């Protein structure tokens, strides 16, 4: 569905569609914690 969106209006979402199906929720969550800690 993301791959079908208008790439002009949603360039990031359209490009991210290729990674959505294979991403790891736990790694993505841990990355968010790391971003927070890096900001601190």
ModelCIF file with pLDDT and N, C-alpha, C, O atoms, coordinates in Angstrom:
data_MODEL
#
_entry.id   MODEL 
#
_entity.id                         1 
_entity.type                       polymer 
_entity.pdbx_number_of_molecules   1 
#
_entity_poly.entity_id                      1 
_entity_poly.type                           'polypeptide(L)' 
_entity_poly.nstd_linkage                   no 
_entity_poly.nstd_monomer                   no 
_entity_poly.pdbx_seq_one_letter_code       
;(UNK)(UNK)(UNK)(UNK)(UNK)(UNK)(UNK)(UNK)(UNK)(UNK)(UNK)(UNK)(UNK)(UNK)(UNK)(UNK)
(UNK)(UNK)(UNK)(UNK)(UNK)(UNK)(UNK)(UNK)(UNK)(UNK)(UNK)(UNK)(UNK)(UNK)(UNK)(UNK)
(UNK)(UNK)(UNK)(UNK)(UNK)(UNK)(UNK)(UNK)
;
_entity_poly.pdbx_seq_one_letter_code_can   XXXXXXXXXXXXXXXXXXXXXXXXXXXXXXXXXXXXXXXX 
_entity_poly.pdbx_strand_id                 A 
#
loop_
_entity_poly_seq.entity_id 
_entity_poly_seq.num 
_entity_poly_seq.mon_id 
_entity_poly_seq.hetero 
1 1  UNK n 
1 2  UNK n 
1 3  UNK n 
1 4  UNK n 
1 5  UNK n 
1 6  UNK n 
1 7  UNK n 
1 8  UNK n 
1 9  UNK n 
1 10 UNK n 
1 11 UNK n 
1 12 UNK n 
1 13 UNK n 
1 14 UNK n 
1 15 UNK n 
1 16 UNK n 
1 17 UNK n 
1 18 UNK n 
1 19 UNK n 
1 20 UNK n 
1 21 UNK n 
1 22 UNK n 
1 23 UNK n 
1 24 UNK n 
1 25 UNK n 
1 26 UNK n 
1 27 UNK n 
1 28 UNK n 
1 29 UNK n 
1 30 UNK n 
1 31 UNK n 
1 32 UNK n 
1 33 UNK n 
1 34 UNK n 
1 35 UNK n 
1 36 UNK n 
1 37 UNK n 
1 38 UNK n 
1 39 UNK n 
1 40 UNK n 
#
_struct_asym.id          A 
_struct_asym.entity_id   1 
#
loop_
_ma_qa_metric.id 
_ma_qa_metric.mode 
_ma_qa_metric.name 
_ma_qa_metric.software_group_id 
_ma_qa_metric.type 
1 global pLDDT . pLDDT 
2 local  pLDDT . pLDDT 
#
_ma_qa_metric_global.metric_id      1 
_ma_qa_metric_global.metric_value   90.95 
_ma_qa_metric_global.model_id       1 
_ma_qa_metric_global.ordinal_id     1 
#
loop_
_ma_qa_metric_local.label_asym_id 
_ma_qa_metric_local.label_comp_id 
_ma_qa_metric_local.label_seq_id 
_ma_qa_metric_local.metric_id 
_ma_qa_metric_local.metric_value 
_ma_qa_metric_local.model_id 
_ma_qa_metric_local.ordinal_id 
A UNK 1  2 94.00 1 1  
A UNK 2  2 95.00 1 2  
A UNK 3  2 95.00 1 3  
A UNK 4  2 96.00 1 4  
A UNK 5  2 96.00 1 5  
A UNK 6  2 97.00 1 6  
A UNK 7  2 96.00 1 7  
A UNK 8  2 97.00 1 8  
A UNK 9  2 97.00 1 9  
A UNK 10 2 97.00 1 10 
A UNK 11 2 97.00 1 11 
A UNK 12 2 97.00 1 12 
A UNK 13 2 96.00 1 13 
A UNK 14 2 94.00 1 14 
A UNK 15 2 95.00 1 15 
A UNK 16 2 95.00 1 16 
A UNK 17 2 95.00 1 17 
A UNK 18 2 92.00 1 18 
A UNK 19 2 93.00 1 19 
A UNK 20 2 91.00 1 20 
A UNK 21 2 85.00 1 21 
A UNK 22 2 86.00 1 22 
A UNK 23 2 87.00 1 23 
A UNK 24 2 87.00 1 24 
A UNK 25 2 85.00 1 25 
A UNK 26 2 85.00 1 26 
A UNK 27 2 89.00 1 27 
A UNK 28 2 89.00 1 28 
A UNK 29 2 87.00 1 29 
A UNK 30 2 87.00 1 30 
A UNK 31 2 89.00 1 31 
A UNK 32 2 89.00 1 32 
A UNK 33 2 87.00 1 33 
A UNK 34 2 88.00 1 34 
A UNK 35 2 89.00 1 35 
A UNK 36 2 88.00 1 36 
A UNK 37 2 85.00 1 37 
A UNK 38 2 85.00 1 38 
A UNK 39 2 86.00 1 39 
A UNK 40 2 80.00 1 40 
#
loop_
_atom_site.group_PDB 
_atom_site.id 
_atom_site.type_symbol 
_atom_site.label_atom_id 
_atom_site.label_alt_id 
_atom_site.label_comp_id 
_atom_site.label_asym_id 
_atom_site.label_entity_id 
_atom_site.label_seq_id 
_atom_site.pdbx_PDB_ins_code 
_atom_site.Cartn_x 
_atom_site.Cartn_y 
_atom_site.Cartn_z 
_atom_site.occupancy 
_atom_site.B_iso_or_equiv 
_atom_site.pdbx_formal_charge 
_atom_site.auth_seq_id 
_atom_site.auth_comp_id 
_atom_site.auth_asym_id 
_atom_site.auth_atom_id 
_atom_site.pdbx_PDB_model_num 
ATOM 1   N N  . UNK A 1 1  ? 0.830  -1.210 0.000  1.00 94.00 ? 1  UNK A N  1 
ATOM 2   C CA . UNK A 1 1  ? 0.000  0.000  0.000  1.00 94.00 ? 1  UNK A CA 1 
ATOM 3   C C  . UNK A 1 1  ? 0.866  1.262  0.000  1.00 94.00 ? 1  UNK A C  1 
ATOM 4   O O  . UNK A 1 1  ? 0.569  2.229  -0.701 1.00 94.00 ? 1  UNK A O  1 
ATOM 5   N N  . UNK A 1 2  ? 1.955  1.238  0.806  1.00 95.00 ? 2  UNK A N  1 
ATOM 6   C CA . UNK A 1 2  ? 2.851  2.392  0.839  1.00 95.00 ? 2  UNK A CA 1 
ATOM 7   C C  . UNK A 1 2  ? 3.505  2.611  -0.516 1.00 95.00 ? 2  UNK A C  1 
ATOM 8   O O  . UNK A 1 2  ? 3.695  3.750  -0.942 1.00 95.00 ? 2  UNK A O  1 
ATOM 9   N N  . UNK A 1 3  ? 3.844  1.533  -1.184 1.00 95.00 ? 3  UNK A N  1 
ATOM 10  C CA . UNK A 1 3  ? 4.507  1.646  -2.489 1.00 95.00 ? 3  UNK A CA 1 
ATOM 11  C C  . UNK A 1 3  ? 3.579  2.269  -3.533 1.00 95.00 ? 3  UNK A C  1 
ATOM 12  O O  . UNK A 1 3  ? 4.050  2.816  -4.530 1.00 95.00 ? 3  UNK A O  1 
ATOM 13  N N  . UNK A 1 4  ? 2.279  2.192  -3.312 1.00 96.00 ? 4  UNK A N  1 
ATOM 14  C CA . UNK A 1 4  ? 1.307  2.725  -4.265 1.00 96.00 ? 4  UNK A CA 1 
ATOM 15  C C  . UNK A 1 4  ? 0.982  4.199  -4.057 1.00 96.00 ? 4  UNK A C  1 
ATOM 16  O O  . UNK A 1 4  ? 0.312  4.806  -4.893 1.00 96.00 ? 4  UNK A O  1 
ATOM 17  N N  . UNK A 1 5  ? 1.452  4.790  -2.940 1.00 96.00 ? 5  UNK A N  1 
ATOM 18  C CA . UNK A 1 5  ? 1.127  6.201  -2.704 1.00 96.00 ? 5  UNK A CA 1 
ATOM 19  C C  . UNK A 1 5  ? 1.866  7.082  -3.707 1.00 96.00 ? 5  UNK A C  1 
ATOM 20  O O  . UNK A 1 5  ? 2.864  6.675  -4.301 1.00 96.00 ? 5  UNK A O  1 
ATOM 21  N N  . UNK A 1 6  ? 1.360  8.273  -3.876 1.00 97.00 ? 6  UNK A N  1 
ATOM 22  C CA . UNK A 1 6  ? 1.940  9.230  -4.808 1.00 97.00 ? 6  UNK A CA 1 
ATOM 23  C C  . UNK A 1 6  ? 3.344  9.623  -4.347 1.00 97.00 ? 6  UNK A C  1 
ATOM 24  O O  . UNK A 1 6  ? 3.486  10.259 -3.302 1.00 97.00 ? 6  UNK A O  1 
ATOM 25  N N  . UNK A 1 7  ? 4.396  9.254  -5.112 1.00 96.00 ? 7  UNK A N  1 
ATOM 26  C CA . UNK A 1 7  ? 5.767  9.570  -4.695 1.00 96.00 ? 7  UNK A CA 1 
ATOM 27  C C  . UNK A 1 7  ? 6.066  11.068 -4.685 1.00 96.00 ? 7  UNK A C  1 
ATOM 28  O O  . UNK A 1 7  ? 7.012  11.499 -4.027 1.00 96.00 ? 7  UNK A O  1 
ATOM 29  N N  . UNK A 1 8  ? 5.291  11.851 -5.388 1.00 97.00 ? 8  UNK A N  1 
ATOM 30  C CA . UNK A 1 8  ? 5.473  13.302 -5.355 1.00 97.00 ? 8  UNK A CA 1 
ATOM 31  C C  . UNK A 1 8  ? 4.996  13.876 -4.020 1.00 97.00 ? 8  UNK A C  1 
ATOM 32  O O  . UNK A 1 8  ? 5.631  14.763 -3.449 1.00 97.00 ? 8  UNK A O  1 
ATOM 33  N N  . UNK A 1 9  ? 3.883  13.362 -3.541 1.00 97.00 ? 9  UNK A N  1 
ATOM 34  C CA . UNK A 1 9  ? 3.310  13.867 -2.293 1.00 97.00 ? 9  UNK A CA 1 
ATOM 35  C C  . UNK A 1 9  ? 3.952  13.215 -1.064 1.00 97.00 ? 9  UNK A C  1 
ATOM 36  O O  . UNK A 1 9  ? 4.106  13.854 -0.023 1.00 97.00 ? 9  UNK A O  1 
ATOM 37  N N  . UNK A 1 10 ? 4.324  11.943 -1.195 1.00 97.00 ? 10 UNK A N  1 
ATOM 38  C CA . UNK A 1 10 ? 4.872  11.182 -0.074 1.00 97.00 ? 10 UNK A CA 1 
ATOM 39  C C  . UNK A 1 10 ? 6.200  10.533 -0.456 1.00 97.00 ? 10 UNK A C  1 
ATOM 40  O O  . UNK A 1 10 ? 6.290  9.306  -0.488 1.00 97.00 ? 10 UNK A O  1 
ATOM 41  N N  . UNK A 1 11 ? 7.221  11.317 -0.744 1.00 97.00 ? 11 UNK A N  1 
ATOM 42  C CA . UNK A 1 11 ? 8.478  10.727 -1.201 1.00 97.00 ? 11 UNK A CA 1 
ATOM 43  C C  . UNK A 1 11 ? 9.141  9.813  -0.168 1.00 97.00 ? 11 UNK A C  1 
ATOM 44  O O  . UNK A 1 11 ? 9.676  8.764  -0.528 1.00 97.00 ? 11 UNK A O  1 
ATOM 45  N N  . UNK A 1 12 ? 9.110  10.197 1.102  1.00 97.00 ? 12 UNK A N  1 
ATOM 46  C CA . UNK A 1 12 ? 9.735  9.351  2.122  1.00 97.00 ? 12 UNK A CA 1 
ATOM 47  C C  . UNK A 1 12 ? 8.978  8.038  2.291  1.00 97.00 ? 12 UNK A C  1 
ATOM 48  O O  . UNK A 1 12 ? 9.576  6.962  2.275  1.00 97.00 ? 12 UNK A O  1 
ATOM 49  N N  . UNK A 1 13 ? 7.656  8.132  2.453  1.00 96.00 ? 13 UNK A N  1 
ATOM 50  C CA . UNK A 1 13 ? 6.842  6.930  2.648  1.00 96.00 ? 13 UNK A CA 1 
ATOM 51  C C  . UNK A 1 13 ? 6.989  5.996  1.454  1.00 96.00 ? 13 UNK A C  1 
ATOM 52  O O  . UNK A 1 13 ? 7.121  4.784  1.622  1.00 96.00 ? 13 UNK A O  1 
ATOM 53  N N  . UNK A 1 14 ? 6.967  6.550  0.266  1.00 94.00 ? 14 UNK A N  1 
ATOM 54  C CA . UNK A 1 14 ? 7.108  5.742  -0.948 1.00 94.00 ? 14 UNK A CA 1 
ATOM 55  C C  . UNK A 1 14 ? 8.452  5.009  -0.947 1.00 94.00 ? 14 UNK A C  1 
ATOM 56  O O  . UNK A 1 14 ? 8.505  3.818  -1.254 1.00 94.00 ? 14 UNK A O  1 
ATOM 57  N N  . UNK A 1 15 ? 9.523  5.703  -0.609 1.00 95.00 ? 15 UNK A N  1 
ATOM 58  C CA . UNK A 1 15 ? 10.852 5.085  -0.583 1.00 95.00 ? 15 UNK A CA 1 
ATOM 59  C C  . UNK A 1 15 ? 10.982 4.084  0.569  1.00 95.00 ? 15 UNK A C  1 
ATOM 60  O O  . UNK A 1 15 ? 11.653 3.062  0.425  1.00 95.00 ? 15 UNK A O  1 
ATOM 61  N N  . UNK A 1 16 ? 10.348 4.370  1.707  1.00 95.00 ? 16 UNK A N  1 
ATOM 62  C CA . UNK A 1 16 ? 10.453 3.495  2.884  1.00 95.00 ? 16 UNK A CA 1 
ATOM 63  C C  . UNK A 1 16 ? 9.667  2.203  2.715  1.00 95.00 ? 16 UNK A C  1 
ATOM 64  O O  . UNK A 1 16 ? 9.884  1.250  3.464  1.00 95.00 ? 16 UNK A O  1 
ATOM 65  N N  . UNK A 1 17 ? 8.771  2.154  1.761  1.00 95.00 ? 17 UNK A N  1 
ATOM 66  C CA . UNK A 1 17 ? 7.957  0.956  1.554  1.00 95.00 ? 17 UNK A CA 1 
ATOM 67  C C  . UNK A 1 17 ? 8.819  -0.294 1.375  1.00 95.00 ? 17 UNK A C  1 
ATOM 68  O O  . UNK A 1 17 ? 8.445  -1.378 1.823  1.00 95.00 ? 17 UNK A O  1 
ATOM 69  N N  . UNK A 1 18 ? 9.954  -0.144 0.732  1.00 92.00 ? 18 UNK A N  1 
ATOM 70  C CA . UNK A 1 18 ? 10.833 -1.292 0.483  1.00 92.00 ? 18 UNK A CA 1 
ATOM 71  C C  . UNK A 1 18 ? 11.380 -1.879 1.782  1.00 92.00 ? 18 UNK A C  1 
ATOM 72  O O  . UNK A 1 18 ? 11.693 -3.069 1.829  1.00 92.00 ? 18 UNK A O  1 
ATOM 73  N N  . UNK A 1 19 ? 11.500 -1.078 2.830  1.00 93.00 ? 19 UNK A N  1 
ATOM 74  C CA . UNK A 1 19 ? 12.062 -1.561 4.104  1.00 93.00 ? 19 UNK A CA 1 
ATOM 75  C C  . UNK A 1 19 ? 10.997 -1.948 5.115  1.00 93.00 ? 19 UNK A C  1 
ATOM 76  O O  . UNK A 1 19 ? 11.294 -2.646 6.085  1.00 93.00 ? 19 UNK A O  1 
ATOM 77  N N  . UNK A 1 20 ? 9.762  -1.507 4.908  1.00 91.00 ? 20 UNK A N  1 
ATOM 78  C CA . UNK A 1 20 ? 8.712  -1.742 5.897  1.00 91.00 ? 20 UNK A CA 1 
ATOM 79  C C  . UNK A 1 20 ? 8.500  -3.226 6.174  1.00 91.00 ? 20 UNK A C  1 
ATOM 80  O O  . UNK A 1 20 ? 8.399  -3.631 7.332  1.00 91.00 ? 20 UNK A O  1 
ATOM 81  N N  . UNK A 1 21 ? 8.434  -4.018 5.152  1.00 85.00 ? 21 UNK A N  1 
ATOM 82  C CA . UNK A 1 21 ? 8.145  -5.439 5.319  1.00 85.00 ? 21 UNK A CA 1 
ATOM 83  C C  . UNK A 1 21 ? 9.227  -6.228 6.017  1.00 85.00 ? 21 UNK A C  1 
ATOM 84  O O  . UNK A 1 21 ? 8.953  -7.287 6.581  1.00 85.00 ? 21 UNK A O  1 
ATOM 85  N N  . UNK A 1 22 ? 10.445 -5.735 5.992  1.00 86.00 ? 22 UNK A N  1 
ATOM 86  C CA . UNK A 1 22 ? 11.565 -6.499 6.554  1.00 86.00 ? 22 UNK A CA 1 
ATOM 87  C C  . UNK A 1 22 ? 12.125 -5.919 7.844  1.00 86.00 ? 22 UNK A C  1 
ATOM 88  O O  . UNK A 1 22 ? 13.067 -6.481 8.402  1.00 86.00 ? 22 UNK A O  1 
ATOM 89  N N  . UNK A 1 23 ? 11.576 -4.815 8.334  1.00 87.00 ? 23 UNK A N  1 
ATOM 90  C CA . UNK A 1 23 ? 12.159 -4.187 9.520  1.00 87.00 ? 23 UNK A CA 1 
ATOM 91  C C  . UNK A 1 23 ? 11.897 -5.020 10.774 1.00 87.00 ? 23 UNK A C  1 
ATOM 92  O O  . UNK A 1 23 ? 10.953 -5.808 10.831 1.00 87.00 ? 23 UNK A O  1 
ATOM 93  N N  . UNK A 1 24 ? 12.750 -4.827 11.772 1.00 87.00 ? 24 UNK A N  1 
ATOM 94  C CA . UNK A 1 24 ? 12.649 -5.518 13.045 1.00 87.00 ? 24 UNK A CA 1 
ATOM 95  C C  . UNK A 1 24 ? 12.152 -4.509 14.081 1.00 87.00 ? 24 UNK A C  1 
ATOM 96  O O  . UNK A 1 24 ? 12.843 -3.537 14.387 1.00 87.00 ? 24 UNK A O  1 
ATOM 97  N N  . UNK A 1 25 ? 10.965 -4.741 14.613 1.00 85.00 ? 25 UNK A N  1 
ATOM 98  C CA . UNK A 1 25 ? 10.360 -3.799 15.561 1.00 85.00 ? 25 UNK A CA 1 
ATOM 99  C C  . UNK A 1 25 ? 11.239 -3.566 16.782 1.00 85.00 ? 25 UNK A C  1 
ATOM 100 O O  . UNK A 1 25 ? 11.391 -2.433 17.238 1.00 85.00 ? 25 UNK A O  1 
ATOM 101 N N  . UNK A 1 26 ? 11.815 -4.638 17.307 1.00 85.00 ? 26 UNK A N  1 
ATOM 102 C CA . UNK A 1 26 ? 12.636 -4.519 18.517 1.00 85.00 ? 26 UNK A CA 1 
ATOM 103 C C  . UNK A 1 26 ? 13.886 -3.696 18.239 1.00 85.00 ? 26 UNK A C  1 
ATOM 104 O O  . UNK A 1 26 ? 14.270 -2.865 19.061 1.00 85.00 ? 26 UNK A O  1 
ATOM 105 N N  . UNK A 1 27 ? 14.526 -3.912 17.093 1.00 89.00 ? 27 UNK A N  1 
ATOM 106 C CA . UNK A 1 27 ? 15.713 -3.124 16.738 1.00 89.00 ? 27 UNK A CA 1 
ATOM 107 C C  . UNK A 1 27 ? 15.343 -1.662 16.513 1.00 89.00 ? 27 UNK A C  1 
ATOM 108 O O  . UNK A 1 27 ? 16.078 -0.760 16.916 1.00 89.00 ? 27 UNK A O  1 
ATOM 109 N N  . UNK A 1 28 ? 14.206 -1.433 15.870 1.00 89.00 ? 28 UNK A N  1 
ATOM 110 C CA . UNK A 1 28 ? 13.780 -0.060 15.621 1.00 89.00 ? 28 UNK A CA 1 
ATOM 111 C C  . UNK A 1 28 ? 13.468 0.653  16.943 1.00 89.00 ? 28 UNK A C  1 
ATOM 112 O O  . UNK A 1 28 ? 13.807 1.824  17.113 1.00 89.00 ? 28 UNK A O  1 
ATOM 113 N N  . UNK A 1 29 ? 12.828 -0.050 17.871 1.00 87.00 ? 29 UNK A N  1 
ATOM 114 C CA . UNK A 1 29 ? 12.557 0.513  19.186 1.00 87.00 ? 29 UNK A CA 1 
ATOM 115 C C  . UNK A 1 29 ? 13.867 0.842  19.910 1.00 87.00 ? 29 UNK A C  1 
ATOM 116 O O  . UNK A 1 29 ? 14.027 1.937  20.449 1.00 87.00 ? 29 UNK A O  1 
ATOM 117 N N  . UNK A 1 30 ? 14.797 -0.113 19.915 1.00 87.00 ? 30 UNK A N  1 
ATOM 118 C CA . UNK A 1 30 ? 16.091 0.096  20.588 1.00 87.00 ? 30 UNK A CA 1 
ATOM 119 C C  . UNK A 1 30 ? 16.840 1.256  19.946 1.00 87.00 ? 30 UNK A C  1 
ATOM 120 O O  . UNK A 1 30 ? 17.522 2.009  20.641 1.00 87.00 ? 30 UNK A O  1 
ATOM 121 N N  . UNK A 1 31 ? 16.725 1.410  18.640 1.00 89.00 ? 31 UNK A N  1 
ATOM 122 C CA . UNK A 1 31 ? 17.353 2.530  17.953 1.00 89.00 ? 31 UNK A CA 1 
ATOM 123 C C  . UNK A 1 31 ? 16.787 3.851  18.472 1.00 89.00 ? 31 UNK A C  1 
ATOM 124 O O  . UNK A 1 31 ? 17.530 4.815  18.658 1.00 89.00 ? 31 UNK A O  1 
ATOM 125 N N  . UNK A 1 32 ? 15.477 3.897  18.706 1.00 89.00 ? 32 UNK A N  1 
ATOM 126 C CA . UNK A 1 32 ? 14.865 5.109  19.267 1.00 89.00 ? 32 UNK A CA 1 
ATOM 127 C C  . UNK A 1 32 ? 15.423 5.443  20.638 1.00 89.00 ? 32 UNK A C  1 
ATOM 128 O O  . UNK A 1 32 ? 15.669 6.611  20.942 1.00 89.00 ? 32 UNK A O  1 
ATOM 129 N N  . UNK A 1 33 ? 15.625 4.426  21.471 1.00 87.00 ? 33 UNK A N  1 
ATOM 130 C CA . UNK A 1 33 ? 16.237 4.653  22.787 1.00 87.00 ? 33 UNK A CA 1 
ATOM 131 C C  . UNK A 1 33 ? 17.656 5.173  22.603 1.00 87.00 ? 33 UNK A C  1 
ATOM 132 O O  . UNK A 1 33 ? 18.082 6.088  23.308 1.00 87.00 ? 33 UNK A O  1 
ATOM 133 N N  . UNK A 1 34 ? 18.398 4.587  21.646 1.00 88.00 ? 34 UNK A N  1 
ATOM 134 C CA . UNK A 1 34 ? 19.766 5.035  21.374 1.00 88.00 ? 34 UNK A CA 1 
ATOM 135 C C  . UNK A 1 34 ? 19.795 6.486  20.902 1.00 88.00 ? 34 UNK A C  1 
ATOM 136 O O  . UNK A 1 34 ? 20.666 7.256  21.307 1.00 88.00 ? 34 UNK A O  1 
ATOM 137 N N  . UNK A 1 35 ? 18.847 6.857  20.052 1.00 89.00 ? 35 UNK A N  1 
ATOM 138 C CA . UNK A 1 35 ? 18.776 8.246  19.577 1.00 89.00 ? 35 UNK A CA 1 
ATOM 139 C C  . UNK A 1 35 ? 18.549 9.176  20.767 1.00 89.00 ? 35 UNK A C  1 
ATOM 140 O O  . UNK A 1 35 ? 19.182 10.226 20.874 1.00 89.00 ? 35 UNK A O  1 
ATOM 141 N N  . UNK A 1 36 ? 17.656 8.789  21.646 1.00 88.00 ? 36 UNK A N  1 
ATOM 142 C CA . UNK A 1 36 ? 17.403 9.584  22.844 1.00 88.00 ? 36 UNK A CA 1 
ATOM 143 C C  . UNK A 1 36 ? 18.677 9.726  23.674 1.00 88.00 ? 36 UNK A C  1 
ATOM 144 O O  . UNK A 1 36 ? 19.037 10.834 24.072 1.00 88.00 ? 36 UNK A O  1 
ATOM 145 N N  . UNK A 1 37 ? 19.361 8.611  23.936 1.00 85.00 ? 37 UNK A N  1 
ATOM 146 C CA . UNK A 1 37 ? 20.589 8.649  24.742 1.00 85.00 ? 37 UNK A CA 1 
ATOM 147 C C  . UNK A 1 37 ? 21.682 9.460  24.053 1.00 85.00 ? 37 UNK A C  1 
ATOM 148 O O  . UNK A 1 37 ? 22.439 10.169 24.714 1.00 85.00 ? 37 UNK A O  1 
ATOM 149 N N  . UNK A 1 38 ? 21.767 9.358  22.729 1.00 85.00 ? 38 UNK A N  1 
ATOM 150 C CA . UNK A 1 38 ? 22.747 10.142 21.992 1.00 85.00 ? 38 UNK A CA 1 
ATOM 151 C C  . UNK A 1 38 ? 22.431 11.637 22.115 1.00 85.00 ? 38 UNK A C  1 
ATOM 152 O O  . UNK A 1 38 ? 23.338 12.463 22.216 1.00 85.00 ? 38 UNK A O  1 
ATOM 153 N N  . UNK A 1 39 ? 21.151 11.972 22.104 1.00 86.00 ? 39 UNK A N  1 
ATOM 154 C CA . UNK A 1 39 ? 20.763 13.364 22.271 1.00 86.00 ? 39 UNK A CA 1 
ATOM 155 C C  . UNK A 1 39 ? 21.141 13.891 23.639 1.00 86.00 ? 39 UNK A C  1 
ATOM 156 O O  . UNK A 1 39 ? 21.630 15.014 23.765 1.00 86.00 ? 39 UNK A O  1 
ATOM 157 N N  . UNK A 1 40 ? 20.917 13.088 24.661 1.00 80.00 ? 40 UNK A N  1 
ATOM 158 C CA . UNK A 1 40 ? 21.329 13.468 26.021 1.00 80.00 ? 40 UNK A CA 1 
ATOM 159 C C  . UNK A 1 40 ? 22.843 13.682 26.066 1.00 80.00 ? 40 UNK A C  1 
ATOM 160 O O  . UNK A 1 40 ? 23.389 14.007 27.121 1.00 80.00 ? 40 UNK A O  1 
#
